[in-house]
Protein backbone atom coordinates (compact mmCIF):
# COMPACT_ATOMS: atom_id res chain seq x y z
CA MET A 1 12.69 -6.83 -9.10
CA PRO A 2 13.72 -8.97 -6.11
CA GLU A 3 12.62 -7.91 -2.64
CA PRO A 4 15.36 -6.17 -0.62
CA GLU A 5 17.07 -8.26 2.01
CA PRO A 6 15.60 -7.72 5.50
CA LEU A 7 17.54 -5.20 7.52
CA SER A 8 18.67 -5.85 11.05
CA THR A 9 16.28 -4.57 13.71
CA ALA A 10 19.21 -3.58 15.91
CA ALA A 11 19.63 0.14 16.45
CA ASN A 12 22.12 1.73 14.09
CA PRO A 13 23.88 5.06 14.78
CA GLU A 14 23.54 6.10 11.14
CA TRP A 15 19.77 5.50 11.23
CA GLU A 16 19.57 7.57 14.39
CA ARG A 17 21.28 10.43 12.54
CA LEU A 18 18.80 10.04 9.69
CA GLU A 19 15.93 10.23 12.19
CA LYS A 20 17.27 13.51 13.54
CA LEU A 21 17.67 14.91 10.04
CA ALA A 22 14.15 13.80 9.08
CA ALA A 23 12.74 15.67 12.07
CA GLU A 24 14.73 18.79 11.24
CA ALA A 25 13.64 18.68 7.58
CA ALA A 26 9.99 18.18 8.52
CA GLY A 27 10.34 21.03 11.00
CA VAL A 28 11.32 23.42 8.22
CA ALA A 29 8.02 22.73 6.45
CA ALA A 30 5.99 22.68 9.68
CA SER A 31 7.18 26.20 10.47
CA LEU A 32 5.93 27.39 7.08
CA LEU A 33 2.57 25.72 7.67
CA ARG A 34 2.06 27.23 11.12
CA ALA A 35 2.61 30.68 9.69
CA GLU A 36 0.10 30.13 6.88
CA ILE A 37 -2.84 28.32 8.54
CA GLY A 38 -6.00 30.13 7.49
CA ALA A 39 -4.34 32.19 4.76
CA GLN A 40 -5.74 32.22 1.23
CA ARG A 41 -3.97 29.74 -1.03
CA GLN A 42 -3.64 28.98 -4.72
CA ILE A 43 -5.46 25.66 -5.04
CA THR A 44 -5.61 23.20 -7.93
CA ALA A 45 -6.82 19.60 -8.27
CA LYS A 46 -4.71 16.59 -9.21
CA SER A 47 -6.11 13.06 -9.65
CA SER A 48 -9.70 14.08 -8.86
CA ARG A 49 -11.61 17.20 -7.89
CA THR A 50 -11.12 16.31 -4.20
CA ASP A 51 -7.36 15.66 -4.51
CA LEU A 52 -6.06 19.15 -3.83
CA VAL A 53 -2.62 20.71 -4.04
CA THR A 54 -1.72 24.23 -2.98
CA ASP A 55 1.17 26.55 -3.65
CA LEU A 56 2.33 25.82 -0.11
CA ASP A 57 2.56 22.06 -0.80
CA LEU A 58 5.08 22.94 -3.49
CA ALA A 59 6.91 25.46 -1.33
CA CYS A 60 7.16 23.05 1.61
CA GLU A 61 8.45 20.24 -0.58
CA ALA A 62 11.07 22.54 -2.10
CA ALA A 63 12.16 23.67 1.38
CA ILE A 64 12.52 20.07 2.57
CA VAL A 65 14.49 19.07 -0.52
CA ASP A 66 16.79 22.09 -0.21
CA PHE A 67 17.43 21.29 3.47
CA LEU A 68 18.19 17.63 2.83
CA THR A 69 20.33 18.41 -0.21
CA ALA A 70 22.43 20.82 1.82
CA HIS A 71 23.13 18.08 4.38
CA ARG A 72 23.21 14.98 2.15
CA PRO A 73 23.78 15.93 -1.50
CA ASP A 74 24.27 12.34 -2.68
CA ASP A 75 20.91 10.99 -1.49
CA ALA A 76 17.95 10.22 -3.73
CA MET A 77 14.58 11.98 -3.31
CA LEU A 78 10.94 11.04 -3.86
CA GLY A 79 8.35 13.71 -3.14
CA GLU A 80 4.59 13.71 -3.56
CA GLU A 81 4.63 16.94 -5.53
CA GLY A 82 7.21 15.82 -8.05
CA ALA A 83 10.58 16.15 -6.36
CA GLY A 84 12.62 13.25 -7.61
CA ARG A 85 16.22 12.45 -8.29
CA ASP A 86 18.57 9.52 -8.24
CA GLY A 87 21.35 9.26 -5.70
CA THR A 88 24.57 7.39 -5.12
CA SER A 89 24.54 6.94 -1.33
CA GLY A 90 21.96 4.12 -1.02
CA VAL A 91 19.64 6.45 0.92
CA ARG A 92 16.38 7.83 -0.48
CA TRP A 93 14.15 10.39 1.19
CA ILE A 94 10.38 9.96 0.85
CA ILE A 95 8.58 13.27 1.38
CA ASP A 96 4.98 14.34 1.87
CA PRO A 97 5.10 18.10 2.45
CA ILE A 98 1.44 18.30 3.55
CA ASP A 99 -0.24 15.00 4.29
CA GLY A 100 -3.91 15.95 4.51
CA THR A 101 -3.94 18.96 2.21
CA VAL A 102 -7.74 19.20 2.30
CA ASN A 103 -7.57 19.58 6.08
CA PHE A 104 -4.97 22.31 5.70
CA VAL A 105 -7.07 24.17 3.12
CA TYR A 106 -10.07 24.10 5.46
CA GLY A 107 -8.04 24.93 8.57
CA HIS A 108 -9.07 21.57 10.01
CA PRO A 109 -6.69 19.63 12.32
CA GLY A 110 -5.24 16.35 11.15
CA PHE A 111 -2.65 17.38 8.57
CA GLY A 112 1.07 16.94 8.95
CA VAL A 113 4.50 16.80 7.35
CA SER A 114 6.04 13.39 6.72
CA VAL A 115 9.71 12.70 5.94
CA ALA A 116 11.19 9.19 5.82
CA ALA A 117 14.59 7.79 4.91
CA GLU A 118 15.08 4.51 3.08
CA ALA A 119 18.37 2.63 3.16
CA ASP A 120 18.79 0.03 0.43
CA GLY A 121 15.06 -0.07 -0.16
CA GLN A 122 13.74 -0.26 3.42
CA VAL A 123 12.53 2.60 5.59
CA VAL A 124 14.95 3.05 8.49
CA ALA A 125 14.08 6.49 9.88
CA GLY A 126 11.25 8.96 9.79
CA ALA A 127 9.44 11.90 11.29
CA VAL A 128 5.87 13.16 11.20
CA ILE A 129 5.03 16.61 12.55
CA ASP A 130 1.51 17.76 13.40
CA PRO A 131 1.89 21.56 13.28
CA VAL A 132 -1.50 22.23 14.89
CA LEU A 133 -0.79 20.16 18.01
CA ASN A 134 2.95 20.97 17.93
CA GLU A 135 3.73 17.26 18.05
CA THR A 136 6.77 15.61 16.49
CA PHE A 137 6.76 11.84 16.12
CA THR A 138 10.08 10.21 15.24
CA ALA A 139 11.65 6.78 15.00
CA HIS A 140 14.52 4.82 13.57
CA ARG A 141 14.51 1.10 13.00
CA GLY A 142 15.36 -0.76 16.19
CA GLY A 143 15.36 2.42 18.28
CA GLY A 144 11.74 2.75 19.39
CA ALA A 145 9.34 5.61 18.70
CA ARG A 146 9.21 9.04 20.29
CA LEU A 147 6.66 11.82 20.69
CA ASN A 148 8.33 15.18 21.29
CA GLY A 149 11.47 13.33 22.28
CA ARG A 150 9.86 10.97 24.80
CA PRO A 151 9.18 7.26 24.21
CA THR A 152 5.67 6.47 23.01
CA ALA A 153 3.84 3.17 22.66
CA VAL A 154 0.60 1.64 21.43
CA ARG A 155 -2.27 0.87 23.80
CA PRO A 156 -1.18 -2.08 25.97
CA ASN A 157 -4.56 -3.82 26.01
CA GLY A 158 -7.94 -3.63 24.36
CA ASP A 159 -11.09 -5.41 23.32
CA PRO A 160 -11.57 -5.75 19.53
CA ALA A 161 -15.31 -5.34 19.99
CA LEU A 162 -14.64 -1.90 21.51
CA ALA A 163 -11.72 -0.93 19.28
CA LEU A 164 -11.43 2.61 17.97
CA VAL A 165 -10.23 2.27 14.38
CA ALA A 166 -8.98 5.04 12.10
CA THR A 167 -9.28 4.86 8.33
CA GLY A 168 -9.36 7.01 5.22
CA PHE A 169 -11.00 7.15 1.81
CA SER A 170 -9.55 7.18 -1.67
CA TYR A 171 -9.56 10.27 -3.88
CA ALA A 172 -10.83 7.97 -6.64
CA HIS A 173 -14.60 8.29 -6.43
CA GLU A 174 -15.26 4.83 -7.85
CA ARG A 175 -13.35 3.31 -4.91
CA ARG A 176 -15.28 5.15 -2.21
CA ARG A 177 -18.47 3.12 -2.58
CA ARG A 178 -16.50 -0.08 -1.97
CA GLN A 179 -14.72 1.45 1.03
CA ALA A 180 -18.09 2.42 2.48
CA GLU A 181 -19.28 -1.16 2.03
CA VAL A 182 -16.27 -2.42 4.01
CA LEU A 183 -17.09 0.01 6.81
CA GLY A 184 -20.68 -1.16 6.78
CA GLU A 185 -19.46 -4.69 7.54
CA LEU A 186 -16.85 -3.61 10.08
CA LEU A 187 -18.63 -0.93 12.10
CA PRO A 188 -21.20 -3.16 13.88
CA LEU A 189 -18.35 -5.38 15.11
CA ILE A 190 -16.01 -2.78 16.63
CA GLY A 191 -16.24 0.22 18.94
CA ASP A 192 -16.18 3.07 16.42
CA ILE A 193 -14.46 4.62 13.41
CA ARG A 194 -12.40 7.79 13.16
CA ARG A 195 -11.76 9.43 9.79
CA VAL A 196 -9.38 12.38 10.21
CA GLY A 197 -7.99 12.77 6.70
CA GLY A 198 -4.22 12.31 6.97
CA ALA A 199 -2.69 8.83 6.94
CA ALA A 200 0.66 9.89 8.39
CA VAL A 201 -0.97 11.49 11.43
CA ASP A 202 -3.42 8.58 11.72
CA LEU A 203 -0.56 6.09 11.91
CA CYS A 204 1.04 8.18 14.63
CA THR A 205 -2.20 8.12 16.62
CA VAL A 206 -1.81 4.35 16.69
CA ALA A 207 1.76 4.86 17.90
CA CYS A 208 0.65 6.96 20.89
CA GLY A 209 -2.49 4.99 21.76
CA ARG A 210 -5.14 7.51 20.67
CA VAL A 211 -6.69 4.84 18.47
CA ASP A 212 -6.33 1.07 18.53
CA ALA A 213 -5.77 0.59 14.81
CA PHE A 214 -5.62 2.13 11.35
CA PHE A 215 -6.20 0.72 7.89
CA GLU A 216 -6.45 2.15 4.40
CA VAL A 217 -6.18 0.98 0.81
CA GLY A 218 -4.67 2.95 -2.07
CA LEU A 219 -2.08 5.00 -0.23
CA ASN A 220 1.18 6.12 -1.79
CA PRO A 221 4.59 5.49 -0.20
CA TRP A 222 4.91 9.11 0.95
CA ASP A 223 1.60 8.78 2.82
CA TYR A 224 2.72 5.92 5.06
CA ALA A 225 6.52 5.50 4.94
CA ALA A 226 7.35 7.48 8.09
CA GLY A 227 4.10 6.78 9.93
CA ALA A 228 4.26 3.02 9.43
CA LEU A 229 7.81 2.91 10.79
CA ILE A 230 6.83 5.04 13.79
CA ALA A 231 3.81 2.83 14.54
CA GLY A 232 5.90 -0.31 14.24
CA GLU A 233 8.60 1.03 16.52
CA ALA A 234 5.87 1.93 19.03
CA GLY A 235 4.89 -1.74 19.13
CA ALA A 236 2.14 -1.92 16.51
CA VAL A 237 1.58 -4.82 14.15
CA VAL A 238 2.25 -3.21 10.77
CA GLN A 239 1.56 -5.06 7.51
CA ASP A 240 -0.79 -5.43 4.59
CA LEU A 241 -3.90 -7.59 4.88
CA HIS A 242 -2.02 -10.85 4.39
CA GLY A 243 1.13 -10.59 6.47
CA ASN A 244 3.35 -8.82 3.96
CA PRO A 245 4.92 -5.38 4.44
CA PRO A 246 2.52 -2.44 4.06
CA SER A 247 2.08 -1.31 0.47
CA PRO A 248 -0.19 0.83 -1.70
CA ASP A 249 -2.48 -2.22 -1.85
CA PHE A 250 -3.16 -2.09 1.90
CA VAL A 251 -1.74 -0.52 5.06
CA PHE A 252 -2.71 -1.88 8.48
CA ALA A 253 -1.34 -0.90 11.88
CA ALA A 254 -2.78 -2.00 15.21
CA ALA A 255 -1.94 -2.62 18.83
CA PRO A 256 -1.15 -6.33 19.25
CA ALA A 257 -4.08 -6.80 21.66
CA VAL A 258 -6.58 -6.22 18.85
CA ALA A 259 -4.58 -6.86 15.68
CA ASP A 260 -5.46 -10.50 14.96
CA ALA A 261 -9.18 -10.03 15.49
CA LEU A 262 -9.31 -6.89 13.36
CA LEU A 263 -7.31 -8.55 10.59
CA ASP A 264 -9.82 -11.42 10.57
CA LEU A 265 -12.69 -8.96 10.22
CA LEU A 266 -10.97 -7.03 7.43
CA GLN A 267 -10.08 -10.24 5.60
CA ASP A 268 -13.68 -11.41 5.85
CA ALA A 269 -14.76 -8.07 4.38
CA GLU A 270 -12.14 -8.37 1.62
CA ALA A 271 -11.09 -4.86 2.54
CA ASP A 272 -8.24 -4.74 0.03
CA GLN A 273 -10.50 -5.60 -2.93
CA LEU A 274 -11.63 -2.51 -4.80
């Protein structure tokens, strides 16, 4: 399938409306999560024994889909927990009802709700809500990024040797050993590592300057669609390991001050080879 044509980076009123709708849809699920933090849940495993899904993942996804369907019945849907349908409008919603389900199950901060909108194959709007911190990150292509409605940006300067870098680990156990090897090469050359457990929230911490960079291999589109857009609109360099758009093969986001040096280190470590 040919790659979609690049979209203009100029702000678009329709994308701004999609951003607002993404935030409202994510807010529906975030309200459910706030009310249920610490409650007993029905828990099952998916791809591995550490890849958890709860009854609330399913309920939140259904609530998001119902909300979006009520407002835009002709749009397509792609949800982590199985929501999927074709559409006729050219817009597709990419939904992660609880990004960081393990954190949610344990009552640990770092989980969030992620909702993104694609137009003709490219993400143009998105929202990530951290229900523990009551933070809503939003963006639309060409319109900048916002945290609780106010502009947010990556760290303006930094030293790669002191960089604080977020990452995550695969649910596939055979991949984790290789990911640990990459960290073993990287950690002596940077400031420190943070591993929170939710890629969407991690990407937003790049967007607001709480970390200098984030990378991870093996993510799904719903994990990074909204967060990658938000980080990019906040000024981050967002790509895979070789200058292409982020993908399940590799997601990288970093403040420009440290991006080139960190990419060199990750390339030397062959961080996308599992």
